[in-house]
PDB file of N, CA and C in Angstrom:
ATOM      1  N   MET A   1      11.667 -17.434 -17.894  1.00  0.00           N
ATOM      2  CA  MET A   1      12.206 -16.040 -18.142  1.00  0.00           C
ATOM      3  C   MET A   1      12.087 -15.929 -19.660  1.00  0.00           C
ATOM      4  N   LEU A   2      11.910 -14.521 -20.006  1.00  0.00           N
ATOM      5  CA  LEU A   2      11.793 -14.234 -21.617  1.00  0.00           C
ATOM      6  C   LEU A   2      12.727 -13.845 -21.706  1.00  0.00           C
ATOM      7  N   SER A   3      13.138 -13.937 -23.528  1.00  0.00           N
ATOM      8  CA  SER A   3      13.934 -12.847 -24.053  1.00  0.00           C
ATOM      9  C   SER A   3      12.917 -11.590 -24.503  1.00  0.00           C
ATOM     10  N   ILE A   4      14.104 -10.513 -24.937  1.00  0.00           N
ATOM     11  CA  ILE A   4      13.597  -9.412 -24.954  1.00  0.00           C
ATOM     12  C   ILE A   4      12.503  -9.412 -26.255  1.00  0.00           C
ATOM     13  N   GLY A   5      12.880 -10.210 -27.060  1.00  0.00           N
ATOM     14  CA  GLY A   5      12.067 -10.576 -28.341  1.00  0.00           C
ATOM     15  C   GLY A   5      10.599 -10.860 -27.740  1.00  0.00           C
ATOM     16  N   ALA A   6      10.638 -11.837 -27.106  1.00  0.00           N
ATOM     17  CA  ALA A   6       9.303 -12.489 -26.645  1.00  0.00           C
ATOM     18  C   ALA A   6       8.571 -11.770 -25.758  1.00  0.00           C
ATOM     19  N   VAL A   7       9.208 -10.836 -25.029  1.00  0.00           N
ATOM     20  CA  VAL A   7       8.415  -9.969 -24.397  1.00  0.00           C
ATOM     21  C   VAL A   7       7.760  -8.359 -25.359  1.00  0.00           C
ATOM     22  N   ALA A   8       8.596  -8.542 -26.370  1.00  0.00           N
ATOM     23  CA  ALA A   8       8.215  -7.138 -27.446  1.00  0.00           C
ATOM     24  C   ALA A   8       6.996  -7.460 -28.114  1.00  0.00           C
ATOM     25  N   ILE A   9       6.914  -9.313 -28.719  1.00  0.00           N
ATOM     26  CA  ILE A   9       6.014  -9.460 -29.642  1.00  0.00           C
ATOM     27  C   ILE A   9       4.736  -9.674 -28.947  1.00  0.00           C
ATOM     28  N   ALA A  10       4.852 -10.093 -27.407  1.00  0.00           N
ATOM     29  CA  ALA A  10       3.362 -10.215 -26.435  1.00  0.00           C
ATOM     30  C   ALA A  10       3.143  -9.245 -26.163  1.00  0.00           C
ATOM     31  N   ALA A  11       3.806  -8.337 -25.978  1.00  0.00           N
ATOM     32  CA  ALA A  11       3.389  -6.845 -25.680  1.00  0.00           C
ATOM     33  C   ALA A  11       3.093  -5.862 -26.785  1.00  0.00           C
ATOM     34  N   GLY A  12       3.126  -6.195 -27.963  1.00  0.00           N
ATOM     35  CA  GLY A  12       3.043  -5.314 -29.071  1.00  0.00           C
ATOM     36  C   GLY A  12       3.796  -4.231 -29.735  1.00  0.00           C
ATOM     37  N   VAL A  13       5.093  -4.356 -29.209  1.00  0.00           N
ATOM     38  CA  VAL A  13       6.046  -3.342 -29.223  1.00  0.00           C
ATOM     39  C   VAL A  13       7.264  -3.776 -29.888  1.00  0.00           C
ATOM     40  N   THR A  14       8.329  -3.258 -30.220  1.00  0.00           N
ATOM     41  CA  THR A  14       9.591  -3.617 -30.468  1.00  0.00           C
ATOM     42  C   THR A  14      10.505  -3.755 -29.326  1.00  0.00           C
ATOM     43  N   PRO A  15      11.566  -4.597 -29.968  1.00  0.00           N
ATOM     44  CA  PRO A  15      12.952  -4.890 -28.825  1.00  0.00           C
ATOM     45  C   PRO A  15      12.969  -3.337 -28.414  1.00  0.00           C
ATOM     46  N   ARG A  16      13.112  -2.699 -29.399  1.00  0.00           N
ATOM     47  CA  ARG A  16      14.173  -1.164 -29.206  1.00  0.00           C
ATOM     48  C   ARG A  16      13.055  -0.685 -27.964  1.00  0.00           C
ATOM     49  N   VAL A  17      11.633  -0.832 -27.851  1.00  0.00           N
ATOM     50  CA  VAL A  17      10.955  -0.129 -26.918  1.00  0.00           C
ATOM     51  C   VAL A  17      11.080  -0.838 -25.715  1.00  0.00           C
ATOM     52  N   VAL A  18      11.282  -2.380 -25.511  1.00  0.00           N
ATOM     53  CA  VAL A  18      11.551  -2.594 -24.370  1.00  0.00           C
ATOM     54  C   VAL A  18      12.831  -2.245 -23.480  1.00  0.00           C
ATOM     55  N   ARG A  19      14.083  -2.036 -24.618  1.00  0.00           N
ATOM     56  CA  ARG A  19      15.257  -1.536 -24.377  1.00  0.00           C
ATOM     57  C   ARG A  19      15.219  -0.333 -23.353  1.00  0.00           C
ATOM     58  N   TYR A  20      14.501   0.810 -24.394  1.00  0.00           N
ATOM     59  CA  TYR A  20      14.303   2.071 -24.004  1.00  0.00           C
ATOM     60  C   TYR A  20      13.628   1.805 -22.390  1.00  0.00           C
ATOM     61  N   TYR A  21      12.720   1.335 -22.409  1.00  0.00           N
ATOM     62  CA  TYR A  21      11.627   1.268 -21.120  1.00  0.00           C
ATOM     63  C   TYR A  21      12.994   0.805 -19.681  1.00  0.00           C
ATOM     64  N   GLU A  22      13.435  -0.323 -20.036  1.00  0.00           N
ATOM     65  CA  GLU A  22      14.550  -0.652 -18.995  1.00  0.00           C
ATOM     66  C   GLU A  22      15.635   0.572 -19.127  1.00  0.00           C
ATOM     67  N   GLN A  23      16.321   1.046 -19.972  1.00  0.00           N
ATOM     68  CA  GLN A  23      17.097   2.321 -20.140  1.00  0.00           C
ATOM     69  C   GLN A  23      16.757   3.295 -19.214  1.00  0.00           C
ATOM     70  N   SER A  24      15.173   3.482 -19.153  1.00  0.00           N
ATOM     71  CA  SER A  24      14.693   4.609 -18.333  1.00  0.00           C
ATOM     72  C   SER A  24      14.099   4.378 -16.782  1.00  0.00           C
ATOM     73  N   GLY A  25      14.427   3.076 -16.873  1.00  0.00           N
ATOM     74  CA  GLY A  25      14.168   2.697 -15.362  1.00  0.00           C
ATOM     75  C   GLY A  25      12.877   1.819 -14.982  1.00  0.00           C
ATOM     76  N   LEU A  26      12.350   2.277 -16.082  1.00  0.00           N
ATOM     77  CA  LEU A  26      10.838   1.421 -16.251  1.00  0.00           C
ATOM     78  C   LEU A  26      10.592   0.066 -16.083  1.00  0.00           C
ATOM     79  N   LEU A  27      11.755  -0.603 -16.831  1.00  0.00           N
ATOM     80  CA  LEU A  27      11.265  -2.247 -16.345  1.00  0.00           C
ATOM     81  C   LEU A  27      13.244  -2.705 -15.911  1.00  0.00           C
ATOM     82  N   THR A  28      12.834  -3.985 -15.410  1.00  0.00           N
ATOM     83  CA  THR A  28      14.444  -4.382 -15.156  1.00  0.00           C
ATOM     84  C   THR A  28      14.394  -5.884 -15.781  1.00  0.00           C
ATOM     85  N   SER A  29      15.491  -6.478 -15.835  1.00  0.00           N
ATOM     86  CA  SER A  29      15.883  -7.399 -16.554  1.00  0.00           C
ATOM     87  C   SER A  29      17.070  -8.381 -15.425  1.00  0.00           C
ATOM     88  N   GLU A  30      17.374  -9.626 -16.065  1.00  0.00           N
ATOM     89  CA  GLU A  30      18.425 -10.260 -15.876  1.00  0.00           C
ATOM     90  C   GLU A  30      19.257 -10.565 -16.607  1.00  0.00           C
ATOM     91  N   ARG A  31      20.568 -10.981 -16.293  1.00  0.00           N
ATOM     92  CA  ARG A  31      20.881 -11.175 -17.405  1.00  0.00           C
ATOM     93  C   ARG A  31      21.668 -12.649 -17.462  1.00  0.00           C
ATOM     94  N   THR A  32      21.741 -13.085 -18.571  1.00  0.00           N
ATOM     95  CA  THR A  32      22.205 -14.686 -18.669  1.00  0.00           C
ATOM     96  C   THR A  32      23.834 -14.381 -18.689  1.00  0.00           C
ATOM     97  N   THR A  33      24.541 -15.511 -18.440  1.00  0.00           N
ATOM     98  CA  THR A  33      26.081 -15.651 -18.809  1.00  0.00           C
ATOM     99  C   THR A  33      26.206 -14.707 -19.781  1.00  0.00           C
ATOM    100  N   GLY A  34      25.557 -15.133 -20.672  1.00  0.00           N
ATOM    101  CA  GLY A  34      26.401 -14.152 -22.239  1.00  0.00           C
ATOM    102  C   GLY A  34      25.663 -13.130 -22.684  1.00  0.00           C
ATOM    103  N   GLY A  35      25.245 -12.566 -20.888  1.00  0.00           N
ATOM    104  CA  GLY A  35      24.835 -11.098 -21.197  1.00  0.00           C
ATOM    105  C   GLY A  35      23.594 -10.905 -21.944  1.00  0.00           C
ATOM    106  N   GLN A  36      23.044 -12.021 -22.515  1.00  0.00           N
ATOM    107  CA  GLN A  36      21.215 -11.482 -22.860  1.00  0.00           C
ATOM    108  C   GLN A  36      20.278 -11.128 -21.602  1.00  0.00           C
ATOM    109  N   ARG A  37      19.450 -10.079 -22.073  1.00  0.00           N
ATOM    110  CA  ARG A  37      18.530  -9.741 -21.107  1.00  0.00           C
ATOM    111  C   ARG A  37      17.698 -11.135 -21.200  1.00  0.00           C
ATOM    112  N   ARG A  38      16.836 -11.093 -20.055  1.00  0.00           N
ATOM    113  CA  ARG A  38      15.882 -12.146 -19.842  1.00  0.00           C
ATOM    114  C   ARG A  38      14.704 -11.526 -18.361  1.00  0.00           C
ATOM    115  N   TYR A  39      13.430 -11.384 -18.822  1.00  0.00           N
ATOM    116  CA  TYR A  39      12.225 -10.946 -18.165  1.00  0.00           C
ATOM    117  C   TYR A  39      11.421 -11.536 -17.665  1.00  0.00           C
ATOM    118  N   PRO A  40      10.990 -11.459 -16.775  1.00  0.00           N
ATOM    119  CA  PRO A  40      10.046 -12.453 -16.057  1.00  0.00           C
ATOM    120  C   PRO A  40       8.447 -11.987 -16.721  1.00  0.00           C
ATOM    121  N   GLU A  41       7.862 -13.268 -16.820  1.00  0.00           N
ATOM    122  CA  GLU A  41       6.479 -12.950 -17.592  1.00  0.00           C
ATOM    123  C   GLU A  41       5.837 -11.587 -16.978  1.00  0.00           C
ATOM    124  N   SER A  42       5.761 -11.190 -16.049  1.00  0.00           N
ATOM    125  CA  SER A  42       4.919  -9.956 -15.708  1.00  0.00           C
ATOM    126  C   SER A  42       5.275  -8.740 -16.565  1.00  0.00           C
ATOM    127  N   ALA A  43       6.501  -8.916 -17.324  1.00  0.00           N
ATOM    128  CA  ALA A  43       7.196  -7.637 -17.773  1.00  0.00           C
ATOM    129  C   ALA A  43       6.245  -7.315 -19.099  1.00  0.00           C
ATOM    130  N   ILE A  44       5.543  -8.261 -19.524  1.00  0.00           N
ATOM    131  CA  ILE A  44       4.537  -8.083 -20.935  1.00  0.00           C
ATOM    132  C   ILE A  44       3.586  -7.282 -20.172  1.00  0.00           C
ATOM    133  N   GLU A  45       2.887  -7.519 -19.284  1.00  0.00           N
ATOM    134  CA  GLU A  45       1.453  -6.777 -18.578  1.00  0.00           C
ATOM    135  C   GLU A  45       2.220  -5.185 -17.983  1.00  0.00           C
ATOM    136  N   ARG A  46       3.598  -5.583 -17.282  1.00  0.00           N
ATOM    137  CA  ARG A  46       3.888  -3.886 -17.485  1.00  0.00           C
ATOM    138  C   ARG A  46       4.074  -3.337 -18.859  1.00  0.00           C
ATOM    139  N   VAL A  47       5.217  -3.667 -19.653  1.00  0.00           N
ATOM    140  CA  VAL A  47       5.024  -2.952 -20.741  1.00  0.00           C
ATOM    141  C   VAL A  47       3.769  -2.634 -21.514  1.00  0.00           C
ATOM    142  N   GLU A  48       2.915  -3.606 -21.793  1.00  0.00           N
ATOM    143  CA  GLU A  48       1.564  -2.865 -21.882  1.00  0.00           C
ATOM    144  C   GLU A  48       0.922  -1.816 -21.084  1.00  0.00           C
ATOM    145  N   PHE A  49       0.840  -1.833 -19.899  1.00  0.00           N
ATOM    146  CA  PHE A  49       0.402  -0.842 -19.054  1.00  0.00           C
ATOM    147  C   PHE A  49       1.302   0.714 -19.328  1.00  0.00           C
ATOM    148  N   ILE A  50       2.637   0.683 -19.214  1.00  0.00           N
ATOM    149  CA  ILE A  50       3.427   1.508 -19.644  1.00  0.00           C
ATOM    150  C   ILE A  50       2.822   2.187 -21.087  1.00  0.00           C
ATOM    151  N   GLN A  51       2.550   1.136 -21.790  1.00  0.00           N
ATOM    152  CA  GLN A  51       2.029   1.788 -23.137  1.00  0.00           C
ATOM    153  C   GLN A  51       0.743   2.571 -23.069  1.00  0.00           C
ATOM    154  N   HIS A  52      -0.041   1.901 -22.372  1.00  0.00           N
ATOM    155  CA  HIS A  52      -1.339   2.824 -21.865  1.00  0.00           C
ATOM    156  C   HIS A  52      -1.109   4.028 -21.508  1.00  0.00           C
ATOM    157  N   LEU A  53      -0.331   4.166 -20.777  1.00  0.00           N
ATOM    158  CA  LEU A  53       0.001   5.387 -19.769  1.00  0.00           C
ATOM    159  C   LEU A  53       0.442   6.681 -20.938  1.00  0.00           C
ATOM    160  N   ILE A  54       1.254   6.217 -21.660  1.00  0.00           N
ATOM    161  CA  ILE A  54       1.625   7.059 -22.613  1.00  0.00           C
ATOM    162  C   ILE A  54       0.943   7.248 -23.311  1.00  0.00           C
ATOM    163  N   ARG A  55       0.002   6.497 -23.952  1.00  0.00           N
ATOM    164  CA  ARG A  55      -0.952   7.190 -24.953  1.00  0.00           C
ATOM    165  C   ARG A  55      -1.941   7.586 -24.014  1.00  0.00           C
ATOM    166  N   ALA A  56      -2.167   7.991 -23.190  1.00  0.00           N
ATOM    167  CA  ALA A  56      -2.905   8.858 -22.303  1.00  0.00           C
ATOM    168  C   ALA A  56      -2.458  10.052 -21.816  1.00  0.00           C
ATOM    169  N   GLY A  57      -1.025  10.344 -22.613  1.00  0.00           N
ATOM    170  CA  GLY A  57      -0.495  11.580 -22.524  1.00  0.00           C
ATOM    171  C   GLY A  57       0.842  11.657 -21.237  1.00  0.00           C
ATOM    172  N   LEU A  58       1.091  10.638 -20.398  1.00  0.00           N
ATOM    173  CA  LEU A  58       1.884  10.946 -19.534  1.00  0.00           C
ATOM    174  C   LEU A  58       3.415  10.460 -20.099  1.00  0.00           C
ATOM    175  N   THR A  59       4.398  10.915 -19.210  1.00  0.00           N
ATOM    176  CA  THR A  59       5.591  11.238 -19.852  1.00  0.00           C
ATOM    177  C   THR A  59       6.751   9.951 -19.131  1.00  0.00           C
ATOM    178  N   THR A  60       7.735   9.504 -19.795  1.00  0.00           N
ATOM    179  CA  THR A  60       8.346   8.202 -19.183  1.00  0.00           C
ATOM    180  C   THR A  60       8.720   8.670 -17.741  1.00  0.00           C
ATOM    181  N   ASP A  61       8.918   9.708 -17.541  1.00  0.00           N
ATOM    182  CA  ASP A  61       9.504  10.502 -16.497  1.00  0.00           C
ATOM    183  C   ASP A  61       8.366  10.414 -15.392  1.00  0.00           C
ATOM    184  N   VAL A  62       7.353  10.625 -15.616  1.00  0.00           N
ATOM    185  CA  VAL A  62       6.239  10.915 -14.457  1.00  0.00           C
ATOM    186  C   VAL A  62       5.708   9.309 -14.627  1.00  0.00           C
ATOM    187  N   ILE A  63       5.834   8.106 -15.388  1.00  0.00           N
ATOM    188  CA  ILE A  63       5.810   7.018 -15.225  1.00  0.00           C
ATOM    189  C   ILE A  63       6.558   6.601 -14.367  1.00  0.00           C
ATOM    190  N   ARG A  64       8.225   6.534 -14.464  1.00  0.00           N
ATOM    191  CA  ARG A  64       8.911   6.333 -13.647  1.00  0.00           C
ATOM    192  C   ARG A  64       8.710   6.708 -11.992  1.00  0.00           C
ATOM    193  N   ASP A  65       8.241   7.906 -11.947  1.00  0.00           N
ATOM    194  CA  ASP A  65       8.317   8.287 -10.482  1.00  0.00           C
ATOM    195  C   ASP A  65       7.089   7.731  -9.920  1.00  0.00           C
ATOM    196  N   GLN A  66       5.953   7.513 -10.676  1.00  0.00           N
ATOM    197  CA  GLN A  66       5.063   7.248 -10.022  1.00  0.00           C
ATOM    198  C   GLN A  66       4.932   5.591  -9.897  1.00  0.00           C
ATOM    199  N   LEU A  67       5.408   4.551 -10.661  1.00  0.00           N
ATOM    200  CA  LEU A  67       5.453   3.015 -10.811  1.00  0.00           C
ATOM    201  C   LEU A  67       6.453   2.680  -9.572  1.00  0.00           C
ATOM    202  N   SER A  68       7.638   3.714  -9.100  1.00  0.00           N
ATOM    203  CA  SER A  68       8.154   3.376  -7.898  1.00  0.00           C
ATOM    204  C   SER A  68       7.059   2.869  -6.632  1.00  0.00           C
ATOM    205  N   CYS A  69       6.075   3.334  -6.407  1.00  0.00           N
ATOM    206  CA  CYS A  69       5.501   2.876  -5.323  1.00  0.00           C
ATOM    207  C   CYS A  69       4.561   1.361  -5.819  1.00  0.00           C
ATOM    208  N   VAL A  70       4.559   1.214  -7.048  1.00  0.00           N
ATOM    209  CA  VAL A  70       4.104   0.066  -7.466  1.00  0.00           C
ATOM    210  C   VAL A  70       5.021  -0.963  -7.352  1.00  0.00           C
ATOM    211  N   ASN A  71       6.115  -1.065  -7.464  1.00  0.00           N
ATOM    212  CA  ASN A  71       7.229  -1.749  -7.218  1.00  0.00           C
ATOM    213  C   ASN A  71       7.506  -2.156  -5.646  1.00  0.00           C
ATOM    214  N   SER A  72       7.484  -0.975  -4.919  1.00  0.00           N
ATOM    215  CA  SER A  72       7.782  -1.186  -3.566  1.00  0.00           C
ATOM    216  C   SER A  72       6.446  -1.502  -2.807  1.00  0.00           C
ATOM    217  N   ARG A  73       5.164  -1.133  -3.229  1.00  0.00           N
ATOM    218  CA  ARG A  73       4.141  -1.762  -2.262  1.00  0.00           C
ATOM    219  C   ARG A  73       4.019  -0.585  -1.322  1.00  0.00           C
ATOM    220  N   ILE A  74       4.571   0.693  -1.525  1.00  0.00           N
ATOM    221  CA  ILE A  74       4.851   1.735  -0.512  1.00  0.00           C
ATOM    222  C   ILE A  74       4.036   2.967  -1.035  1.00  0.00           C
ATOM    223  N   ALA A  75       3.028   3.398  -0.524  1.00  0.00           N
ATOM    224  CA  ALA A  75       2.534   4.805  -0.934  1.00  0.00           C
ATOM    225  C   ALA A  75       2.720   5.523   0.375  1.00  0.00           C
ATOM    226  N   THR A  76       3.122   6.758  -0.060  1.00  0.00           N
ATOM    227  CA  THR A  76       2.981   7.984   1.052  1.00  0.00           C
ATOM    228  C   THR A  76       2.404   9.256   0.452  1.00  0.00           C
ATOM    229  N   PRO A  77       1.777   9.941   1.636  1.00  0.00           N
ATOM    230  CA  PRO A  77       0.838  11.038   1.035  1.00  0.00           C
ATOM    231  C   PRO A  77       0.993  11.760  -0.145  1.00  0.00           C
ATOM    232  N   ASP A  78       2.415  12.149  -0.502  1.00  0.00           N
ATOM    233  CA  ASP A  78       3.137  13.009  -1.725  1.00  0.00           C
ATOM    234  C   ASP A  78       2.738  11.759  -2.778  1.00  0.00           C
ATOM    235  N   THR A  79       2.995  10.632  -2.566  1.00  0.00           N
ATOM    236  CA  THR A  79       3.003   9.546  -4.060  1.00  0.00           C
ATOM    237  C   THR A  79       1.329   9.673  -4.144  1.00  0.00           C
ATOM    238  N   ILE A  80       0.453   9.594  -3.460  1.00  0.00           N
ATOM    239  CA  ILE A  80      -0.873   9.377  -3.607  1.00  0.00           C
ATOM    240  C   ILE A  80      -1.384  10.756  -3.970  1.00  0.00           C
ATOM    241  N   ALA A  81      -0.905  11.595  -3.569  1.00  0.00           N
ATOM    242  CA  ALA A  81      -1.250  13.076  -4.434  1.00  0.00           C
ATOM    243  C   ALA A  81      -0.847  12.998  -5.592  1.00  0.00           C
ATOM    244  N   LYS A  82       0.335  12.680  -6.028  1.00  0.00           N
ATOM    245  CA  LYS A  82       0.610  12.528  -7.375  1.00  0.00           C
ATOM    246  C   LYS A  82      -0.091  11.946  -8.389  1.00  0.00           C
ATOM    247  N   LEU A  83      -0.495  10.473  -7.714  1.00  0.00           N
ATOM    248  CA  LEU A  83      -1.405   9.495  -8.497  1.00  0.00           C
ATOM    249  C   LEU A  83      -2.420  10.608  -8.804  1.00  0.00           C
ATOM    250  N   ALA A  84      -2.874  10.895  -8.078  1.00  0.00           N
ATOM    251  CA  ALA A  84      -4.669  11.755  -8.359  1.00  0.00           C
ATOM    252  C   ALA A  84      -4.275  12.508  -9.023  1.00  0.00           C
ATOM    253  N   ALA A  85      -2.960  13.268  -9.316  1.00  0.00           N
ATOM    254  CA  ALA A  85      -2.976  14.537 -10.037  1.00  0.00           C
ATOM    255  C   ALA A  85      -2.697  13.662 -11.813  1.00  0.00           C
ATOM    256  N   GLN A  86      -1.993  12.741 -11.428  1.00  0.00           N
ATOM    257  CA  GLN A  86      -1.923  12.030 -12.859  1.00  0.00           C
ATOM    258  C   GLN A  86      -3.476  11.349 -13.144  1.00  0.00           C
ATOM    259  N   ARG A  87      -4.084  11.035 -12.400  1.00  0.00           N
ATOM    260  CA  ARG A  87      -6.047  10.471 -12.665  1.00  0.00           C
ATOM    261  C   ARG A  87      -6.519  11.641 -13.146  1.00  0.00           C
ATOM    262  N   GLU A  88      -6.466  12.911 -12.736  1.00  0.00           N
ATOM    263  CA  GLU A  88      -6.856  14.057 -13.179  1.00  0.00           C
ATOM    264  C   GLU A  88      -6.578  14.372 -14.669  1.00  0.00           C
ATOM    265  N   PHE A  89      -5.330  14.145 -14.834  1.00  0.00           N
ATOM    266  CA  PHE A  89      -5.002  14.985 -15.871  1.00  0.00           C
ATOM    267  C   PHE A  89      -5.356  13.758 -17.201  1.00  0.00           C
ATOM    268  N   ILE A  90      -4.934  12.405 -16.922  1.00  0.00           N
ATOM    269  CA  ILE A  90      -5.813  11.264 -17.914  1.00  0.00           C
ATOM    270  C   ILE A  90      -7.357  11.844 -18.127  1.00  0.00           C
ATOM    271  N   ALA A  91      -8.139  12.134 -16.925  1.00  0.00           N
ATOM    272  CA  ALA A  91      -9.754  12.761 -17.104  1.00  0.00           C
ATOM    273  C   ALA A  91      -9.746  13.749 -17.858  1.00  0.00           C
ATOM    274  N   GLN A  92      -9.243  14.751 -17.826  1.00  0.00           N
ATOM    275  CA  GLN A  92      -9.290  15.871 -18.381  1.00  0.00           C
ATOM    276  C   GLN A  92      -8.972  15.726 -20.073  1.00  0.00           C
ATOM    277  N   ARG A  93      -7.935  14.604 -20.177  1.00  0.00           N
ATOM    278  CA  ARG A  93      -7.514  14.354 -21.776  1.00  0.00           C
ATOM    279  C   ARG A  93      -8.455  13.847 -21.919  1.00  0.00           C
ATOM    280  N   ALA A  94      -9.196  12.727 -21.582  1.00  0.00           N
ATOM    281  CA  ALA A  94     -10.632  12.018 -21.863  1.00  0.00           C
ATOM    282  C   ALA A  94     -11.663  12.726 -22.208  1.00  0.00           C
ATOM    283  N   ALA A  95     -11.579  13.696 -21.614  1.00  0.00           N
ATOM    284  CA  ALA A  95     -12.847  14.495 -21.902  1.00  0.00           C
ATOM    285  C   ALA A  95     -12.641  15.442 -23.273  1.00  0.00           C
ATOM    286  N   GLU A  96     -11.322  16.054 -23.130  1.00  0.00           N
ATOM    287  CA  GLU A  96     -11.114  16.716 -24.385  1.00  0.00           C
ATOM    288  C   GLU A  96     -10.956  15.685 -25.632  1.00  0.00           C
ATOM    289  N   LEU A  97     -10.920  14.467 -25.610  1.00  0.00           N
ATOM    290  CA  LEU A  97     -10.924  13.399 -26.675  1.00  0.00           C
ATOM    291  C   LEU A  97     -12.094  13.451 -27.151  1.00  0.00           C
ATOM    292  N   ASN A  98     -13.090  13.342 -26.105  1.00  0.00           N
ATOM    293  CA  ASN A  98     -14.555  13.099 -26.011  1.00  0.00           C
ATOM    294  C   ASN A  98     -15.248  14.231 -27.141  1.00  0.00           C
ATOM    295  N   ARG A  99     -14.823  15.391 -26.641  1.00  0.00           N
ATOM    296  CA  ARG A  99     -15.105  16.493 -27.454  1.00  0.00           C
ATOM    297  C   ARG A  99     -14.646  16.555 -29.046  1.00  0.00           C
ATOM    298  N   MET A 100     -13.632  16.017 -28.877  1.00  0.00           N
ATOM    299  CA  MET A 100     -13.218  16.133 -30.237  1.00  0.00           C
ATOM    300  C   MET A 100     -13.911  14.936 -31.367  1.00  0.00           C
ATOM    301  N   GLU A 101     -14.088  14.044 -30.326  1.00  0.00           N
ATOM    302  CA  GLU A 101     -15.147  13.078 -30.993  1.00  0.00           C
ATOM    303  C   GLU A 101     -16.323  13.342 -31.478  1.00  0.00           C
ATOM    304  N   GLN A 102     -16.718  14.162 -30.539  1.00  0.00           N
ATOM    305  CA  GLN A 102     -18.358  15.140 -31.074  1.00  0.00           C
ATOM    306  C   GLN A 102     -18.231  15.776 -31.961  1.00  0.00           C
ATOM    307  N   ARG A 103     -17.164  16.464 -32.151  1.00  0.00           N
ATOM    308  CA  ARG A 103     -16.929  17.706 -32.839  1.00  0.00           C
ATOM    309  C   ARG A 103     -16.660  16.914 -34.342  1.00  0.00           C
ATOM    310  N   LEU A 104     -15.716  15.979 -34.439  1.00  0.00           N
ATOM    311  CA  LEU A 104     -16.005  15.444 -35.973  1.00  0.00           C
ATOM    312  C   LEU A 104     -17.045  14.597 -36.057  1.00  0.00           C
ATOM    313  N   GLY A 105     -17.893  14.122 -35.346  1.00  0.00           N
ATOM    314  CA  GLY A 105     -19.314  13.324 -35.843  1.00  0.00           C
ATOM    315  C   GLY A 105     -20.372  14.610 -36.159  1.00  0.00           C
ATOM    316  N   GLU A 106     -20.100  15.725 -36.008  1.00  0.00           N
ATOM    317  CA  GLU A 106     -21.041  16.682 -35.935  1.00  0.00           C
ATOM    318  C   GLU A 106     -20.436  16.949 -37.417  1.00  0.00           C
ATOM    319  N   LEU A 107     -19.176  17.056 -38.021  1.00  0.00           N
ATOM    320  CA  LEU A 107     -18.646  17.205 -39.347  1.00  0.00           C
ATOM    321  C   LEU A 107     -18.859  16.360 -40.058  1.00  0.00           C
ATOM    322  N   ILE A 108     -18.658  15.207 -39.977  1.00  0.00           N
ATOM    323  CA  ILE A 108     -19.089  14.144 -40.555  1.00  0.00           C
ATOM    324  C   ILE A 108     -20.421  14.201 -40.954  1.00  0.00           C
ATOM    325  N   ASP A 109     -21.421  14.205 -40.509  1.00  0.00           N
ATOM    326  CA  ASP A 109     -22.914  14.538 -40.254  1.00  0.00           C
ATOM    327  C   ASP A 109     -23.463  15.928 -41.311  1.00  0.00           C
ATOM    328  N   SER A 110     -22.326  16.636 -41.033  1.00  0.00           N
ATOM    329  CA  SER A 110     -22.658  18.160 -42.021  1.00  0.00           C
ATOM    330  C   SER A 110     -22.015  17.851 -43.775  1.00  0.00           C
ATOM    331  N   ALA A 111     -20.925  17.333 -43.692  1.00  0.00           N
ATOM    332  CA  ALA A 111     -20.158  16.757 -44.659  1.00  0.00           C
ATOM    333  C   ALA A 111     -21.422  15.689 -45.576  1.00  0.00           C
ATOM    334  N   GLN A 112     -21.889  14.886 -44.773  1.00  0.00           N
ATOM    335  CA  GLN A 112     -22.932  13.974 -45.483  1.00  0.00           C
ATOM    336  C   GLN A 112     -23.829  14.635 -45.949  1.00  0.00           C
ATOM    337  N   ALA A 113     -24.591  15.521 -45.421  1.00  0.00           N
ATOM    338  CA  ALA A 113     -25.775  16.357 -45.904  1.00  0.00           C
ATOM    339  C   ALA A 113     -25.457  17.000 -46.718  1.00  0.00           C
ATOM    340  N   THR A 114     -24.195  17.356 -47.116  1.00  0.00           N
ATOM    341  CA  THR A 114     -24.451  18.277 -48.658  1.00  0.00           C
ATOM    342  C   THR A 114     -23.473  17.515 -49.561  1.00  0.00           C
ATOM    343  N   LEU A 115     -23.595  15.866 -49.416  1.00  0.00           N
ATOM    344  CA  LEU A 115     -22.347  15.312 -50.018  1.00  0.00           C
ATOM    345  C   LEU A 115     -23.126  15.048 -51.459  1.00  0.00           C
ATOM    346  N   VAL A 116     -22.213  15.422 -52.730  1.00  0.00           N
ATOM    347  CA  VAL A 116     -22.936  15.647 -53.806  1.00  0.00           C
ATOM    348  C   VAL A 116     -22.266  14.059 -54.492  1.00  0.00           C
ATOM    349  N   THR A 117     -22.906  13.443 -55.252  1.00  0.00           N
ATOM    350  CA  THR A 117     -22.900  12.302 -55.456  1.00  0.00           C
ATOM    351  C   THR A 117     -22.370  12.212 -57.081  1.00  0.00           C
ATOM    352  N   ALA A 118     -21.972  11.176 -57.638  1.00  0.00           N
ATOM    353  CA  ALA A 118     -21.394  11.053 -59.113  1.00  0.00           C
ATOM    354  C   ALA A 118     -22.611  11.366 -60.243  1.00  0.00           C
ATOM    355  N   ASP A 119     -23.801  10.704 -59.493  1.00  0.00           N
ATOM    356  CA  ASP A 119     -24.941  10.179 -60.130  1.00  0.00           C
ATOM    357  C   ASP A 119     -25.681  11.711 -60.467  1.00  0.00           C
ATOM    358  N   ALA A 120     -25.434  12.878 -59.651  1.00  0.00           N
ATOM    359  CA  ALA A 120     -26.063  13.852 -59.777  1.00  0.00           C
ATOM    360  C   ALA A 120     -25.821  14.910 -61.039  1.00  0.00           C
TER     361      ALA A 120
END
């Protein structure tokens, strides 16, 4: 079992983020007799996964709703439909980011073509 600090360091977040995920129902811990949180090794991967989903644009509420099927290993047709909708949301977001990357590339190319150097 790992301390909150160990999970945070391994997952690349702060202990505050780990605590927030637990308060939000995204993560669970056991408590020592002294009241300290202890997490299984799998908590590291879970925190990293949550971070990826948040960066993709999902909210903690959506993640909590969808992760319930991961925890229970039971998926209903409704859960599958919701997961598919989230996958589509992420795909649309990825396409939007790709378009923005292309536009920034064009802007960089244009700026480089008109670049005035100090020697000129």
